[in-house]
Amino acid sequence: VDGLSKVNIPRDLHLRARAAVRIVRRVTGRSYTIAQFLREAIMAQLAVIARDYNNGQEIYPDTAPLDPGRR
């Protein structure tokens, strides 16, 4: 699956993630972006789900649409 995705998250969660990015920048002095933060967070959760629900097997891309969530 190529390209970028648009996902809605609660504003408070987004603002907390932004604050975390600023903390990493301040403490480490390195460049760090919200996109990096989100990729790392998603990768960490994929590892947890693979371990806990997928017999430790890698999770591969799935292009089938999901049922609509909360609106």
PDB file of N, CA and C in Angstrom:
ATOM      1  N   VAL A   1       0.858  -1.175   0.000  1.00  0.00           N
ATOM      2  CA  VAL A   1       0.000   0.000   0.000  1.00  0.00           C
ATOM      3  C   VAL A   1       0.899   1.231   0.000  1.00  0.00           C
ATOM      4  N   ASP A   2       0.771   2.054  -1.002  1.00  0.00           N
ATOM      5  CA  ASP A   2       1.619   3.243  -1.144  1.00  0.00           C
ATOM      6  C   ASP A   2       0.846   4.492  -0.772  1.00  0.00           C
ATOM      7  N   GLY A   3       1.575   5.564  -0.558  1.00  0.00           N
ATOM      8  CA  GLY A   3       0.944   6.845  -0.294  1.00  0.00           C
ATOM      9  C   GLY A   3       0.714   7.068   1.184  1.00  0.00           C
ATOM     10  N   LEU A   4       0.027   8.159   1.470  1.00  0.00           N
ATOM     11  CA  LEU A   4      -0.239   8.536   2.846  1.00  0.00           C
ATOM     12  C   LEU A   4      -1.704   8.311   3.174  1.00  0.00           C
ATOM     13  N   SER A   5      -1.954   8.116   4.446  1.00  0.00           N
ATOM     14  CA  SER A   5      -3.294   7.879   4.934  1.00  0.00           C
ATOM     15  C   SER A   5      -3.735   9.057   5.781  1.00  0.00           C
ATOM     16  N   LYS A   6      -5.032   9.280   5.855  1.00  0.00           N
ATOM     17  CA  LYS A   6      -5.570  10.303   6.746  1.00  0.00           C
ATOM     18  C   LYS A   6      -6.429   9.595   7.778  1.00  0.00           C
ATOM     19  N   VAL A   7      -6.064   9.780   9.039  1.00  0.00           N
ATOM     20  CA  VAL A   7      -6.777   9.132  10.134  1.00  0.00           C
ATOM     21  C   VAL A   7      -7.179  10.214  11.130  1.00  0.00           C
ATOM     22  N   ASN A   8      -8.419  10.153  11.570  1.00  0.00           N
ATOM     23  CA  ASN A   8      -8.888  11.112  12.573  1.00  0.00           C
ATOM     24  C   ASN A   8      -8.588  10.579  13.959  1.00  0.00           C
ATOM     25  N   ILE A   9      -7.984  11.432  14.781  1.00  0.00           N
ATOM     26  CA  ILE A   9      -7.758  11.089  16.179  1.00  0.00           C
ATOM     27  C   ILE A   9      -8.285  12.238  17.030  1.00  0.00           C
ATOM     28  N   PRO A  10      -8.662  11.954  18.269  1.00  0.00           N
ATOM     29  CA  PRO A  10      -9.147  13.035  19.126  1.00  0.00           C
ATOM     30  C   PRO A  10      -8.099  14.143  19.267  1.00  0.00           C
ATOM     31  N   ARG A  11      -8.563  15.369  19.282  1.00  0.00           N
ATOM     32  CA  ARG A  11      -7.666  16.524  19.350  1.00  0.00           C
ATOM     33  C   ARG A  11      -6.742  16.457  20.561  1.00  0.00           C
ATOM     34  N   ASP A  12      -7.267  16.068  21.727  1.00  0.00           N
ATOM     35  CA  ASP A  12      -6.434  15.986  22.925  1.00  0.00           C
ATOM     36  C   ASP A  12      -5.280  15.001  22.731  1.00  0.00           C
ATOM     37  N   LEU A  13      -5.549  13.869  22.090  1.00  0.00           N
ATOM     38  CA  LEU A  13      -4.503  12.879  21.841  1.00  0.00           C
ATOM     39  C   LEU A  13      -3.442  13.453  20.900  1.00  0.00           C
ATOM     40  N   HIS A  14      -3.891  14.174  19.879  1.00  0.00           N
ATOM     41  CA  HIS A  14      -2.963  14.803  18.943  1.00  0.00           C
ATOM     42  C   HIS A  14      -2.093  15.832  19.654  1.00  0.00           C
ATOM     43  N   LEU A  15      -2.708  16.630  20.523  1.00  0.00           N
ATOM     44  CA  LEU A  15      -1.947  17.645  21.257  1.00  0.00           C
ATOM     45  C   LEU A  15      -0.945  17.017  22.226  1.00  0.00           C
ATOM     46  N   ARG A  16      -1.293  15.895  22.831  1.00  0.00           N
ATOM     47  CA  ARG A  16      -0.349  15.189  23.703  1.00  0.00           C
ATOM     48  C   ARG A  16       0.813  14.631  22.898  1.00  0.00           C
ATOM     49  N   ALA A  17       0.525  14.098  21.718  1.00  0.00           N
ATOM     50  CA  ALA A  17       1.597  13.583  20.857  1.00  0.00           C
ATOM     51  C   ALA A  17       2.519  14.728  20.446  1.00  0.00           C
ATOM     52  N   ARG A  18       1.951  15.876  20.122  1.00  0.00           N
ATOM     53  CA  ARG A  18       2.762  17.042  19.762  1.00  0.00           C
ATOM     54  C   ARG A  18       3.661  17.443  20.930  1.00  0.00           C
ATOM     55  N   ALA A  19       3.103  17.427  22.140  1.00  0.00           N
ATOM     56  CA  ALA A  19       3.899  17.760  23.326  1.00  0.00           C
ATOM     57  C   ALA A  19       5.039  16.764  23.506  1.00  0.00           C
ATOM     58  N   ALA A  20       4.774  15.485  23.255  1.00  0.00           N
ATOM     59  CA  ALA A  20       5.819  14.462  23.371  1.00  0.00           C
ATOM     60  C   ALA A  20       6.942  14.721  22.367  1.00  0.00           C
ATOM     61  N   VAL A  21       6.581  15.122  21.163  1.00  0.00           N
ATOM     62  CA  VAL A  21       7.582  15.445  20.143  1.00  0.00           C
ATOM     63  C   VAL A  21       8.459  16.595  20.628  1.00  0.00           C
ATOM     64  N   ARG A  22       7.849  17.630  21.194  1.00  0.00           N
ATOM     65  CA  ARG A  22       8.623  18.765  21.704  1.00  0.00           C
ATOM     66  C   ARG A  22       9.564  18.331  22.832  1.00  0.00           C
ATOM     67  N   ILE A  23       9.109  17.408  23.681  1.00  0.00           N
ATOM     68  CA  ILE A  23       9.952  16.909  24.767  1.00  0.00           C
ATOM     69  C   ILE A  23      11.179  16.195  24.209  1.00  0.00           C
ATOM     70  N   VAL A  24      10.957  15.319  23.230  1.00  0.00           N
ATOM     71  CA  VAL A  24      12.089  14.603  22.630  1.00  0.00           C
ATOM     72  C   VAL A  24      13.068  15.584  22.012  1.00  0.00           C
ATOM     73  N   ARG A  25      12.554  16.573  21.298  1.00  0.00           N
ATOM     74  CA  ARG A  25      13.435  17.582  20.685  1.00  0.00           C
ATOM     75  C   ARG A  25      14.245  18.320  21.744  1.00  0.00           C
ATOM     76  N   ARG A  26      13.567  18.737  22.819  1.00  0.00           N
ATOM     77  CA  ARG A  26      14.241  19.516  23.858  1.00  0.00           C
ATOM     78  C   ARG A  26      15.296  18.688  24.587  1.00  0.00           C
ATOM     79  N   VAL A  27      14.954  17.465  24.938  1.00  0.00           N
ATOM     80  CA  VAL A  27      15.863  16.633  25.738  1.00  0.00           C
ATOM     81  C   VAL A  27      17.031  16.105  24.911  1.00  0.00           C
ATOM     82  N   THR A  28      16.758  15.718  23.662  1.00  0.00           N
ATOM     83  CA  THR A  28      17.809  15.097  22.849  1.00  0.00           C
ATOM     84  C   THR A  28      18.524  16.076  21.931  1.00  0.00           C
ATOM     85  N   GLY A  29      17.861  17.202  21.615  1.00  0.00           N
ATOM     86  CA  GLY A  29      18.439  18.152  20.664  1.00  0.00           C
ATOM     87  C   GLY A  29      18.379  17.666  19.232  1.00  0.00           C
ATOM     88  N   ARG A  30      17.690  16.571  19.006  1.00  0.00           N
ATOM     89  CA  ARG A  30      17.629  16.040  17.637  1.00  0.00           C
ATOM     90  C   ARG A  30      16.316  16.412  16.960  1.00  0.00           C
ATOM     91  N   SER A  31      16.323  16.322  15.658  1.00  0.00           N
ATOM     92  CA  SER A  31      15.127  16.545  14.875  1.00  0.00           C
ATOM     93  C   SER A  31      14.168  15.371  15.102  1.00  0.00           C
ATOM     94  N   TYR A  32      12.925  15.658  15.376  1.00  0.00           N
ATOM     95  CA  TYR A  32      11.927  14.611  15.605  1.00  0.00           C
ATOM     96  C   TYR A  32      10.595  15.182  15.161  1.00  0.00           C
ATOM     97  N   THR A  33       9.830  14.427  14.402  1.00  0.00           N
ATOM     98  CA  THR A  33       8.580  14.935  13.846  1.00  0.00           C
ATOM     99  C   THR A  33       7.386  14.164  14.383  1.00  0.00           C
ATOM    100  N   ILE A  34       6.220  14.766  14.231  1.00  0.00           N
ATOM    101  CA  ILE A  34       4.984  14.085  14.618  1.00  0.00           C
ATOM    102  C   ILE A  34       4.810  12.829  13.765  1.00  0.00           C
ATOM    103  N   ALA A  35       5.220  12.887  12.506  1.00  0.00           N
ATOM    104  CA  ALA A  35       5.117  11.702  11.640  1.00  0.00           C
ATOM    105  C   ALA A  35       5.991  10.569  12.175  1.00  0.00           C
ATOM    106  N   GLN A  36       7.213  10.896  12.622  1.00  0.00           N
ATOM    107  CA  GLN A  36       8.076   9.863  13.212  1.00  0.00           C
ATOM    108  C   GLN A  36       7.415   9.273  14.453  1.00  0.00           C
ATOM    109  N   PHE A  37       6.894  10.149  15.305  1.00  0.00           N
ATOM    110  CA  PHE A  37       6.223   9.698  16.522  1.00  0.00           C
ATOM    111  C   PHE A  37       5.092   8.729  16.181  1.00  0.00           C
ATOM    112  N   LEU A  38       4.250   9.102  15.235  1.00  0.00           N
ATOM    113  CA  LEU A  38       3.098   8.258  14.877  1.00  0.00           C
ATOM    114  C   LEU A  38       3.536   6.935  14.263  1.00  0.00           C
ATOM    115  N   ARG A  39       4.550   6.976  13.393  1.00  0.00           N
ATOM    116  CA  ARG A  39       5.051   5.713  12.819  1.00  0.00           C
ATOM    117  C   ARG A  39       5.564   4.787  13.917  1.00  0.00           C
ATOM    118  N   GLU A  40       6.344   5.342  14.845  1.00  0.00           N
ATOM    119  CA  GLU A  40       6.885   4.528  15.942  1.00  0.00           C
ATOM    120  C   GLU A  40       5.771   3.978  16.830  1.00  0.00           C
ATOM    121  N   ALA A  41       4.769   4.789  17.105  1.00  0.00           N
ATOM    122  CA  ALA A  41       3.649   4.339  17.938  1.00  0.00           C
ATOM    123  C   ALA A  41       2.865   3.222  17.243  1.00  0.00           C
ATOM    124  N   ILE A  42       2.629   3.378  15.957  1.00  0.00           N
ATOM    125  CA  ILE A  42       1.901   2.355  15.209  1.00  0.00           C
ATOM    126  C   ILE A  42       2.715   1.067  15.136  1.00  0.00           C
ATOM    127  N   MET A  43       4.007   1.183  14.870  1.00  0.00           N
ATOM    128  CA  MET A  43       4.860  -0.010  14.804  1.00  0.00           C
ATOM    129  C   MET A  43       4.880  -0.738  16.150  1.00  0.00           C
ATOM    130  N   ALA A  44       4.937   0.009  17.248  1.00  0.00           N
ATOM    131  CA  ALA A  44       4.943  -0.606  18.575  1.00  0.00           C
ATOM    132  C   ALA A  44       3.631  -1.343  18.826  1.00  0.00           C
ATOM    133  N   GLN A  45       2.513  -0.747  18.452  1.00  0.00           N
ATOM    134  CA  GLN A  45       1.216  -1.404  18.668  1.00  0.00           C
ATOM    135  C   GLN A  45       1.052  -2.604  17.743  1.00  0.00           C
ATOM    136  N   LEU A  46       1.545  -2.526  16.522  1.00  0.00           N
ATOM    137  CA  LEU A  46       1.513  -3.695  15.624  1.00  0.00           C
ATOM    138  C   LEU A  46       2.286  -4.859  16.228  1.00  0.00           C
ATOM    139  N   ALA A  47       3.427  -4.574  16.857  1.00  0.00           N
ATOM    140  CA  ALA A  47       4.215  -5.633  17.503  1.00  0.00           C
ATOM    141  C   ALA A  47       3.432  -6.265  18.650  1.00  0.00           C
ATOM    142  N   VAL A  48       2.740  -5.453  19.445  1.00  0.00           N
ATOM    143  CA  VAL A  48       1.931  -5.980  20.550  1.00  0.00           C
ATOM    144  C   VAL A  48       0.801  -6.867  20.017  1.00  0.00           C
ATOM    145  N   ILE A  49       0.107  -6.391  18.998  1.00  0.00           N
ATOM    146  CA  ILE A  49      -1.014  -7.165  18.444  1.00  0.00           C
ATOM    147  C   ILE A  49      -0.509  -8.444  17.787  1.00  0.00           C
ATOM    148  N   ALA A  50       0.607  -8.383  17.077  1.00  0.00           N
ATOM    149  CA  ALA A  50       1.187  -9.586  16.475  1.00  0.00           C
ATOM    150  C   ALA A  50       1.511 -10.606  17.558  1.00  0.00           C
ATOM    151  N   ARG A  51       2.117 -10.145  18.643  1.00  0.00           N
ATOM    152  CA  ARG A  51       2.494 -11.031  19.744  1.00  0.00           C
ATOM    153  C   ARG A  51       1.266 -11.606  20.447  1.00  0.00           C
ATOM    154  N   ASP A  52       0.306 -10.757  20.779  1.00  0.00           N
ATOM    155  CA  ASP A  52      -0.811 -11.170  21.620  1.00  0.00           C
ATOM    156  C   ASP A  52      -1.955 -11.837  20.865  1.00  0.00           C
ATOM    157  N   TYR A  53      -2.151 -11.479  19.600  1.00  0.00           N
ATOM    158  CA  TYR A  53      -3.335 -11.949  18.880  1.00  0.00           C
ATOM    159  C   TYR A  53      -3.046 -12.661  17.569  1.00  0.00           C
ATOM    160  N   ASN A  54      -1.792 -12.668  17.128  1.00  0.00           N
ATOM    161  CA  ASN A  54      -1.475 -13.252  15.823  1.00  0.00           C
ATOM    162  C   ASN A  54      -0.357 -14.283  15.927  1.00  0.00           C
ATOM    163  N   ASN A  55      -0.296 -14.963  17.068  1.00  0.00           N
ATOM    164  CA  ASN A  55       0.697 -16.027  17.282  1.00  0.00           C
ATOM    165  C   ASN A  55       2.124 -15.576  16.995  1.00  0.00           C
ATOM    166  N   GLY A  56       2.415 -14.296  17.249  1.00  0.00           N
ATOM    167  CA  GLY A  56       3.759 -13.788  17.034  1.00  0.00           C
ATOM    168  C   GLY A  56       4.123 -13.579  15.579  1.00  0.00           C
ATOM    169  N   GLN A  57       3.152 -13.779  14.682  1.00  0.00           N
ATOM    170  CA  GLN A  57       3.414 -13.641  13.248  1.00  0.00           C
ATOM    171  C   GLN A  57       3.267 -12.189  12.814  1.00  0.00           C
ATOM    172  N   GLU A  58       4.064 -11.803  11.827  1.00  0.00           N
ATOM    173  CA  GLU A  58       3.994 -10.455  11.277  1.00  0.00           C
ATOM    174  C   GLU A  58       2.583 -10.171  10.760  1.00  0.00           C
ATOM    175  N   ILE A  59       2.170  -8.930  10.850  1.00  0.00           N
ATOM    176  CA  ILE A  59       0.885  -8.502  10.315  1.00  0.00           C
ATOM    177  C   ILE A  59       1.137  -7.872   8.954  1.00  0.00           C
ATOM    178  N   TYR A  60       0.485  -8.409   7.940  1.00  0.00           N
ATOM    179  CA  TYR A  60       0.676  -7.928   6.574  1.00  0.00           C
ATOM    180  C   TYR A  60      -0.428  -6.955   6.186  1.00  0.00           C
ATOM    181  N   PRO A  61      -0.171  -6.090   5.197  1.00  0.00           N
ATOM    182  CA  PRO A  61      -1.182  -5.117   4.767  1.00  0.00           C
ATOM    183  C   PRO A  61      -2.482  -5.794   4.340  1.00  0.00           C
ATOM    184  N   ASP A  62      -3.580  -5.139   4.625  1.00  0.00           N
ATOM    185  CA  ASP A  62      -4.922  -5.606   4.292  1.00  0.00           C
ATOM    186  C   ASP A  62      -5.674  -4.420   3.707  1.00  0.00           C
ATOM    187  N   THR A  63      -6.046  -4.513   2.445  1.00  0.00           N
ATOM    188  CA  THR A  63      -6.694  -3.388   1.775  1.00  0.00           C
ATOM    189  C   THR A  63      -8.210  -3.417   1.855  1.00  0.00           C
ATOM    190  N   ALA A  64      -8.780  -4.464   2.448  1.00  0.00           N
ATOM    191  CA  ALA A  64     -10.236  -4.543   2.563  1.00  0.00           C
ATOM    192  C   ALA A  64     -10.731  -3.431   3.485  1.00  0.00           C
ATOM    193  N   PRO A  65     -11.808  -2.743   3.094  1.00  0.00           N
ATOM    194  CA  PRO A  65     -12.328  -1.670   3.940  1.00  0.00           C
ATOM    195  C   PRO A  65     -12.801  -2.204   5.292  1.00  0.00           C
ATOM    196  N   LEU A  66     -12.632  -1.381   6.313  1.00  0.00           N
ATOM    197  CA  LEU A  66     -13.170  -1.710   7.638  1.00  0.00           C
ATOM    198  C   LEU A  66     -14.593  -1.185   7.742  1.00  0.00           C
ATOM    199  N   ASP A  67     -15.383  -1.794   8.592  1.00  0.00           N
ATOM    200  CA  ASP A  67     -16.699  -1.237   8.874  1.00  0.00           C
ATOM    201  C   ASP A  67     -16.497   0.133   9.491  1.00  0.00           C
ATOM    202  N   PRO A  68     -17.395   1.074   9.209  1.00  0.00           N
ATOM    203  CA  PRO A  68     -17.235   2.418   9.775  1.00  0.00           C
ATOM    204  C   PRO A  68     -17.201   2.367  11.306  1.00  0.00           C
ATOM    205  N   GLY A  69     -16.355   3.211  11.860  1.00  0.00           N
ATOM    206  CA  GLY A  69     -16.263   3.329  13.310  1.00  0.00           C
ATOM    207  C   GLY A  69     -17.126   4.466  13.796  1.00  0.00           C
ATOM    208  N   ARG A  70     -16.768   4.964  14.936  1.00  0.00           N
ATOM    209  CA  ARG A  70     -17.497   6.071  15.543  1.00  0.00           C
ATOM    210  C   ARG A  70     -17.456   7.288  14.644  1.00  0.00           C
ATOM    211  N   ARG A  71     -18.534   7.990  14.517  1.00  0.00           N
ATOM    212  CA  ARG A  71     -18.609   9.200  13.677  1.00  0.00           C
ATOM    213  C   ARG A  71     -18.995  10.386  14.495  1.00  0.00           C
TER     214      ARG A  71
END
